[in-house]
């Protein structure tokens, strides 16, 4: 029996209408992303000297670009719950590259991703443009990476982690890895809060339920083409669960398990 990871979306063959949508929506998306990036860089020049957590202009530009991108991808966003207002970390399930637009639209955050993502075609450029923090998960780099995450968190930055460690078909949640949770278990961060976030996609009518998932050997270009060619609108619900105080948990594994349980509680595939 073929497992979910090996199962693939059926081949996409857009008709004339589909290709026309790809052209005009794709052109607008490129203009929005690269035009927004130019404005983002200009704002960064104005914000020189400000701490990362206090860069209101560039962060608002990023969020505005992400919201316009969702419109061009025909994806309506519904946000439930209230995100943290102070320093802290968010942990969410991960369906694919669309999450970057969705979560940045719901709340301004800094993403944490494995270093390999920086070199991926299309996705790497998107991640860099949104200010993603890239980390290396090699054992020899573990201490330095923990120090980097610690510095960002104590500096007031809000970081977004994907503890599953990979993306999915959007219909399920994988077990959370506890490694990244170690960053919040230093004495200086015991008062820090971690907020679980559930992302649930609803595919456009008549399309595969896995429409927004991006996994396995799927290419960024192929998946983007599929989304742009689709005529209907999809929906995504982002649920911000009550935040958890790090000091209430004995270790990172206990915190990871509780976060996973909350994320699953609002997901149909949980």
Protein backbone atom coordinates (compact mmCIF):
# COMPACT_ATOMS: atom_id res chain seq x y z
CA UNK A 1 0.00 0.00 0.00
CA UNK A 2 1.29 3.45 -0.92
CA UNK A 3 1.74 5.77 2.06
CA UNK A 4 0.78 9.42 2.05
CA UNK A 5 4.37 10.54 1.44
CA UNK A 6 4.68 8.48 -1.76
CA UNK A 7 1.21 9.43 -3.03
CA UNK A 8 1.31 12.28 -5.52
CA UNK A 9 -1.18 14.80 -6.82
CA UNK A 10 -2.54 13.84 -10.26
CA UNK A 11 -0.75 15.50 -13.20
CA UNK A 12 -1.96 19.02 -13.84
CA UNK A 13 -2.90 20.00 -17.40
CA UNK A 14 -4.31 23.55 -17.43
CA UNK A 15 -6.54 24.48 -20.35
CA UNK A 16 -6.48 27.82 -22.13
CA UNK A 17 -8.29 29.51 -19.25
CA UNK A 18 -5.86 27.99 -16.78
CA UNK A 19 -2.83 29.25 -18.68
CA UNK A 20 -4.34 32.73 -18.95
CA UNK A 21 -4.79 32.74 -15.17
CA UNK A 22 -1.21 31.59 -14.74
CA UNK A 23 0.05 34.45 -16.91
CA UNK A 24 -1.88 37.36 -15.40
CA UNK A 25 -1.90 36.19 -11.80
CA UNK A 26 1.72 35.09 -12.03
CA UNK A 27 2.80 38.44 -13.47
CA UNK A 28 1.00 40.29 -10.68
CA UNK A 29 2.50 37.99 -8.04
CA UNK A 30 6.03 38.60 -9.33
CA UNK A 31 5.38 42.35 -9.35
CA UNK A 32 4.00 42.26 -5.80
CA UNK A 33 6.81 40.14 -4.37
CA UNK A 34 9.74 41.89 -6.05
CA UNK A 35 8.19 45.35 -5.80
CA UNK A 36 7.52 44.70 -2.14
CA UNK A 37 11.08 43.50 -1.65
CA UNK A 38 12.40 46.78 -3.07
CA UNK A 39 10.21 48.74 -0.64
CA UNK A 40 11.33 46.40 2.14
CA UNK A 41 14.99 47.19 1.47
CA UNK A 42 14.26 50.92 1.43
CA UNK A 43 12.53 50.60 4.80
CA UNK A 44 15.49 48.71 6.21
CA UNK A 45 17.73 51.65 5.32
CA UNK A 46 15.42 53.93 7.31
CA UNK A 47 15.43 51.47 10.21
CA UNK A 48 19.21 51.10 10.44
CA UNK A 49 20.22 50.92 14.08
CA UNK A 50 16.87 49.64 15.32
CA UNK A 51 16.61 46.27 17.04
CA UNK A 52 15.09 43.48 14.95
CA UNK A 53 11.98 43.44 17.11
CA UNK A 54 11.46 47.16 16.48
CA UNK A 55 11.38 47.46 12.71
CA UNK A 56 7.74 48.46 12.15
CA UNK A 57 8.03 49.64 8.56
CA UNK A 58 9.74 46.64 6.97
CA UNK A 59 7.60 44.19 8.96
CA UNK A 60 4.41 45.88 7.78
CA UNK A 61 5.63 45.80 4.19
CA UNK A 62 6.30 42.05 4.47
CA UNK A 63 2.85 41.43 5.90
CA UNK A 64 1.21 43.56 3.21
CA UNK A 65 3.01 41.65 0.45
CA UNK A 66 1.96 38.32 1.96
CA UNK A 67 -1.68 39.39 2.16
CA UNK A 68 -1.70 40.50 -1.47
CA UNK A 69 -0.05 37.21 -2.43
CA UNK A 70 -2.88 35.28 -0.77
CA UNK A 71 -5.41 37.21 -2.86
CA UNK A 72 -3.54 36.32 -6.04
CA UNK A 73 -3.37 32.68 -4.93
CA UNK A 74 -7.15 32.78 -4.33
CA UNK A 75 -6.80 31.87 -0.66
CA UNK A 76 -9.05 33.47 1.97
CA UNK A 77 -7.65 33.74 5.49
CA UNK A 78 -9.63 33.30 8.71
CA UNK A 79 -7.79 33.95 11.99
CA UNK A 80 -9.02 32.57 15.31
CA UNK A 81 -7.59 33.49 18.70
CA UNK A 82 -5.10 36.18 19.63
CA UNK A 83 -1.35 35.94 18.99
CA UNK A 84 1.24 36.84 21.60
CA UNK A 85 1.88 40.55 21.96
CA UNK A 86 5.26 40.27 23.70
CA UNK A 87 8.45 38.30 23.08
CA UNK A 88 7.95 34.59 22.57
CA UNK A 89 7.88 31.69 20.16
CA UNK A 90 5.18 30.18 17.97
CA UNK A 91 5.04 26.56 16.83
CA UNK A 92 2.84 25.46 13.92
CA UNK A 93 2.13 22.50 11.68
CA UNK A 94 3.73 22.76 8.25
CA UNK A 95 2.05 22.06 4.90
CA UNK A 96 4.55 23.81 2.62
CA UNK A 97 5.79 27.12 1.24
CA UNK A 98 2.29 28.66 1.25
CA UNK A 99 2.53 28.68 5.07
CA UNK A 100 5.00 31.58 4.81
CA UNK A 101 2.39 33.81 3.18
CA UNK A 102 -0.41 32.56 5.43
CA UNK A 103 1.31 32.91 8.80
CA UNK A 104 2.91 36.25 7.95
CA UNK A 105 -0.53 37.49 6.91
CA UNK A 106 -2.02 36.35 10.21
CA UNK A 107 0.76 37.82 12.36
CA UNK A 108 4.17 39.38 11.78
CA UNK A 109 6.81 36.81 12.76
CA UNK A 110 10.34 35.68 11.94
CA UNK A 111 10.50 32.14 10.58
CA UNK A 112 13.11 29.60 11.60
CA UNK A 113 14.10 27.09 8.90
CA UNK A 114 16.84 24.57 8.22
CA UNK A 115 19.78 25.99 6.28
CA UNK A 116 19.14 23.82 3.20
CA UNK A 117 15.96 25.80 2.49
CA UNK A 118 18.05 28.87 1.59
CA UNK A 119 19.32 27.07 -1.52
CA UNK A 120 16.02 25.67 -2.76
CA UNK A 121 14.84 27.15 -6.10
CA UNK A 122 12.05 29.66 -5.58
CA UNK A 123 11.39 28.75 -1.95
CA UNK A 124 14.84 29.90 -0.81
CA UNK A 125 14.37 33.35 -2.33
CA UNK A 126 10.92 33.61 -0.75
CA UNK A 127 12.31 32.63 2.65
CA UNK A 128 15.17 35.12 2.46
CA UNK A 129 12.84 37.91 1.35
CA UNK A 130 10.66 37.38 4.43
CA UNK A 131 13.62 37.54 6.83
CA UNK A 132 13.81 33.84 7.69
CA UNK A 133 16.43 32.76 10.22
CA UNK A 134 18.34 29.79 8.80
CA UNK A 135 19.89 27.26 11.16
CA UNK A 136 22.17 24.26 10.68
CA UNK A 137 21.07 21.10 12.47
CA UNK A 138 24.48 19.42 12.58
CA UNK A 139 25.63 18.24 15.99
CA UNK A 140 28.76 20.39 15.91
CA UNK A 141 26.64 23.50 15.31
CA UNK A 142 23.98 22.76 17.93
CA UNK A 143 25.42 24.98 20.68
CA UNK A 144 25.98 27.95 18.36
CA UNK A 145 22.46 27.61 16.95
CA UNK A 146 20.95 27.51 20.44
CA UNK A 147 22.87 30.67 21.33
CA UNK A 148 21.61 32.39 18.17
CA UNK A 149 17.98 31.51 18.90
CA UNK A 150 18.46 32.57 22.53
CA UNK A 151 19.84 35.96 21.42
CA UNK A 152 16.91 36.57 19.08
CA UNK A 153 14.33 35.64 21.72
CA UNK A 154 15.90 37.67 24.52
CA UNK A 155 16.09 40.59 22.08
CA UNK A 156 12.30 40.62 21.90
CA UNK A 157 11.86 38.89 18.55
CA UNK A 158 8.93 36.56 17.91
CA UNK A 159 10.09 33.37 16.20
CA UNK A 160 7.98 30.84 14.30
CA UNK A 161 9.10 27.19 14.39
CA UNK A 162 7.89 24.17 12.42
CA UNK A 163 8.64 21.30 14.85
CA UNK A 164 7.54 18.55 12.45
CA UNK A 165 10.83 19.12 10.65
CA UNK A 166 9.32 18.75 7.18
CA UNK A 167 6.23 19.67 5.16
CA UNK A 168 3.18 17.48 4.50
CA UNK A 169 0.19 17.03 2.22
CA UNK A 170 -1.71 19.42 4.56
CA UNK A 171 -4.12 16.68 5.69
CA UNK A 172 -2.11 15.43 8.66
CA UNK A 173 0.21 16.45 11.46
CA UNK A 174 3.50 14.66 12.06
CA UNK A 175 5.06 14.08 15.50
CA UNK A 176 6.79 17.18 16.86
CA UNK A 177 10.56 17.01 17.28
CA UNK A 178 11.66 18.52 20.59
CA UNK A 179 15.14 19.71 19.51
CA UNK A 180 14.20 23.32 18.73
CA UNK A 181 12.33 23.65 22.02
CA UNK A 182 15.67 23.50 23.83
CA UNK A 183 16.24 27.16 22.88
CA UNK A 184 13.63 28.33 25.41
CA UNK A 185 14.91 26.24 28.33
CA UNK A 186 17.74 28.53 29.39
CA UNK A 187 17.47 30.29 32.79
CA UNK A 188 16.97 33.67 31.09
CA UNK A 189 13.95 32.39 29.14
CA UNK A 190 12.05 30.46 31.80
CA UNK A 191 9.46 33.25 31.80
CA UNK A 192 9.07 33.02 28.02
CA UNK A 193 5.80 31.89 26.47
CA UNK A 194 5.30 29.51 23.55
CA UNK A 195 2.10 29.66 21.51
CA UNK A 196 0.88 26.67 19.47
CA UNK A 197 -0.72 27.52 16.10
CA UNK A 198 -2.86 25.28 13.90
CA UNK A 199 -3.07 25.87 10.14
CA UNK A 200 -5.95 24.16 8.31
CA UNK A 201 -6.36 24.41 4.52
CA UNK A 202 -9.61 23.91 2.62
CA UNK A 203 -9.03 23.27 -1.08
CA UNK A 204 -11.08 25.09 -3.76
CA UNK A 205 -14.26 23.25 -4.84
CA UNK A 206 -13.57 20.38 -7.21
CA UNK A 207 -9.84 20.15 -6.46
CA UNK A 208 -7.79 17.55 -4.61
CA UNK A 209 -7.99 18.03 -0.80
CA UNK A 210 -4.16 18.10 -0.79
CA UNK A 211 -4.16 21.13 -3.11
CA UNK A 212 -2.06 23.32 -0.79
CA UNK A 213 0.29 20.60 0.45
CA UNK A 214 3.88 20.59 -0.80
CA UNK A 215 5.89 17.49 0.03
CA UNK A 216 8.29 14.85 -1.23
CA UNK A 217 9.88 15.64 -4.60
CA UNK A 218 7.28 18.20 -5.70
CA UNK A 219 8.84 21.23 -7.36
CA UNK A 220 8.09 24.78 -6.30
CA UNK A 221 7.41 25.87 -9.89
CA UNK A 222 5.01 23.00 -10.56
CA UNK A 223 3.06 23.58 -7.38
CA UNK A 224 2.88 27.34 -7.94
CA UNK A 225 1.61 26.76 -11.48
CA UNK A 226 -1.14 24.51 -10.13
CA UNK A 227 -2.28 27.13 -7.62
CA UNK A 228 -2.25 29.97 -10.14
CA UNK A 229 -4.22 27.97 -12.72
CA UNK A 230 -7.02 27.07 -10.31
CA UNK A 231 -10.14 29.22 -10.88
CA UNK A 232 -11.87 28.73 -7.51
CA UNK A 233 -11.07 30.08 -4.06
CA UNK A 234 -9.70 28.09 -1.17
CA UNK A 235 -9.74 28.87 2.55
CA UNK A 236 -7.23 28.64 5.36
CA UNK A 237 -7.95 28.89 9.07
CA UNK A 238 -5.16 29.88 11.45
CA UNK A 239 -5.90 29.16 15.11
CA UNK A 240 -3.78 30.75 17.83
CA UNK A 241 -4.13 28.57 20.92
CA UNK A 242 -3.60 29.83 24.49
CA UNK A 243 0.11 30.37 25.07
CA UNK A 244 2.13 28.09 27.36
CA UNK A 245 4.63 29.29 29.97
CA UNK A 246 7.97 27.50 29.65
CA UNK A 247 8.41 27.41 33.44
CA UNK A 248 5.35 25.13 33.73
CA UNK A 249 7.13 22.28 31.93
CA UNK A 250 9.87 20.01 33.24
CA UNK A 251 11.73 19.71 29.94
CA UNK A 252 11.56 20.36 26.20
CA UNK A 253 9.94 17.00 25.45
CA UNK A 254 7.01 17.72 27.76
CA UNK A 255 6.52 21.14 26.17
CA UNK A 256 6.76 19.70 22.64
CA UNK A 257 4.15 17.05 23.46
CA UNK A 258 1.71 19.60 24.88
CA UNK A 259 2.15 21.91 21.88
CA UNK A 260 1.57 19.01 19.50
CA UNK A 261 -1.62 18.01 21.34
CA UNK A 262 -3.03 21.54 21.09
CA UNK A 263 -2.14 21.87 17.40
CA UNK A 264 -3.81 18.51 16.68
CA UNK A 265 -6.94 19.51 18.62
CA UNK A 266 -7.93 22.06 15.95
CA UNK A 267 -6.91 20.03 12.89
CA UNK A 268 -9.29 17.60 11.14
CA UNK A 269 -6.40 15.19 10.57
CA UNK A 270 -5.22 15.43 14.18
